[in-house]
C-alpha atoms as a PDB file:
ATOM      1  CA  MET A   1      38.947 -43.552  17.493  1.00  0.00           C
ATOM      2  CA  LYS A   2      40.448 -40.336  18.814  1.00  0.00           C
ATOM      3  CA  HIS A   3      41.784 -40.169  22.340  1.00  0.00           C
ATOM      4  CA  ASP A   4      42.247 -36.949  24.298  1.00  0.00           C
ATOM      5  CA  HIS A   5      44.888 -38.582  26.453  1.00  0.00           C
ATOM      6  CA  PHE A   6      46.530 -41.905  27.163  1.00  0.00           C
ATOM      7  CA  VAL A   7      47.630 -42.782  30.704  1.00  0.00           C
ATOM      8  CA  VAL A   8      50.913 -44.681  30.476  1.00  0.00           C
ATOM      9  CA  GLN A   9      51.475 -45.057  34.208  1.00  0.00           C
ATOM     10  CA  SER A  10      49.453 -44.241  37.287  1.00  0.00           C
ATOM     11  CA  PRO A  11      51.234 -45.058  40.564  1.00  0.00           C
ATOM     12  CA  ASP A  12      49.365 -46.787  43.402  1.00  0.00           C
ATOM     13  CA  LYS A  13      50.264 -43.957  45.789  1.00  0.00           C
ATOM     14  CA  PRO A  14      49.719 -40.246  45.098  1.00  0.00           C
ATOM     15  CA  ALA A  15      52.042 -39.234  42.266  1.00  0.00           C
ATOM     16  CA  GLN A  16      55.206 -37.386  43.260  1.00  0.00           C
ATOM     17  CA  GLN A  17      55.898 -36.263  39.693  1.00  0.00           C
ATOM     18  CA  LEU A  18      53.904 -35.514  36.552  1.00  0.00           C
ATOM     19  CA  LEU A  19      55.314 -36.347  33.149  1.00  0.00           C
ATOM     20  CA  LEU A  20      53.274 -35.048  30.194  1.00  0.00           C
ATOM     21  CA  LEU A  21      54.094 -36.121  26.653  1.00  0.00           C
ATOM     22  CA  PHE A  22      52.878 -34.148  23.636  1.00  0.00           C
ATOM     23  CA  HIS A  23      53.011 -35.608  20.132  1.00  0.00           C
ATOM     24  CA  GLY A  24      53.680 -33.875  16.843  1.00  0.00           C
ATOM     25  CA  VAL A  25      51.671 -33.521  13.655  1.00  0.00           C
ATOM     26  CA  GLY A  26      50.456 -36.845  12.302  1.00  0.00           C
ATOM     27  CA  ASP A  27      50.952 -38.784  15.534  1.00  0.00           C
ATOM     28  CA  ASN A  28      48.564 -39.597  18.370  1.00  0.00           C
ATOM     29  CA  PRO A  29      48.639 -40.033  22.157  1.00  0.00           C
ATOM     30  CA  VAL A  30      48.513 -43.824  22.035  1.00  0.00           C
ATOM     31  CA  ALA A  31      51.579 -43.995  19.789  1.00  0.00           C
ATOM     32  CA  MET A  32      53.418 -41.684  22.192  1.00  0.00           C
ATOM     33  CA  GLY A  33      52.619 -44.146  24.959  1.00  0.00           C
ATOM     34  CA  GLU A  34      55.509 -46.293  23.757  1.00  0.00           C
ATOM     35  CA  ILE A  35      57.911 -43.456  24.502  1.00  0.00           C
ATOM     36  CA  GLY A  36      56.216 -42.950  27.859  1.00  0.00           C
ATOM     37  CA  SER A  37      56.857 -46.591  28.694  1.00  0.00           C
ATOM     38  CA  TRP A  38      60.601 -45.877  28.408  1.00  0.00           C
ATOM     39  CA  PHE A  39      60.307 -43.161  31.073  1.00  0.00           C
ATOM     40  CA  ALA A  40      57.961 -45.036  33.425  1.00  0.00           C
ATOM     41  CA  PRO A  41      60.608 -47.324  35.008  1.00  0.00           C
ATOM     42  CA  LEU A  42      62.923 -44.343  35.529  1.00  0.00           C
ATOM     43  CA  PHE A  43      60.190 -42.411  37.357  1.00  0.00           C
ATOM     44  CA  PRO A  44      58.168 -45.056  39.250  1.00  0.00           C
ATOM     45  CA  ASP A  45      56.357 -42.439  41.377  1.00  0.00           C
ATOM     46  CA  ALA A  46      55.271 -40.366  38.370  1.00  0.00           C
ATOM     47  CA  LEU A  47      51.930 -40.080  36.657  1.00  0.00           C
ATOM     48  CA  VAL A  48      52.860 -40.402  32.971  1.00  0.00           C
ATOM     49  CA  VAL A  49      50.272 -39.164  30.468  1.00  0.00           C
ATOM     50  CA  SER A  50      50.409 -38.681  26.719  1.00  0.00           C
ATOM     51  CA  VAL A  51      48.191 -35.722  25.793  1.00  0.00           C
ATOM     52  CA  ARG A  52      46.493 -35.094  22.465  1.00  0.00           C
ATOM     53  CA  TRP A  53      47.627 -31.885  20.814  1.00  0.00           C
ATOM     54  CA  ARG A  54      44.673 -30.525  18.856  1.00  0.00           C
ATOM     55  CA  GLY A  55      46.993 -28.565  16.558  1.00  0.00           C
ATOM     56  CA  ALA A  56      48.274 -31.873  15.184  1.00  0.00           C
ATOM     57  CA  GLU A  57      45.031 -32.385  13.259  1.00  0.00           C
ATOM     58  CA  ARG A  58      45.973 -30.020  10.456  1.00  0.00           C
END
């Protein structure tokens, strides 16, 4: 299953920051979610999303 994005963290209040993660060739947004989970506690007011890069499908 291909995902266009994977939301790692969505704060209860309106987000004060936006952290977008882009993966490289051969990876996917869900796998990048693990890296996003490292950032989430450091930025508790941020919306953290891993985005699919369509160029990675080569």
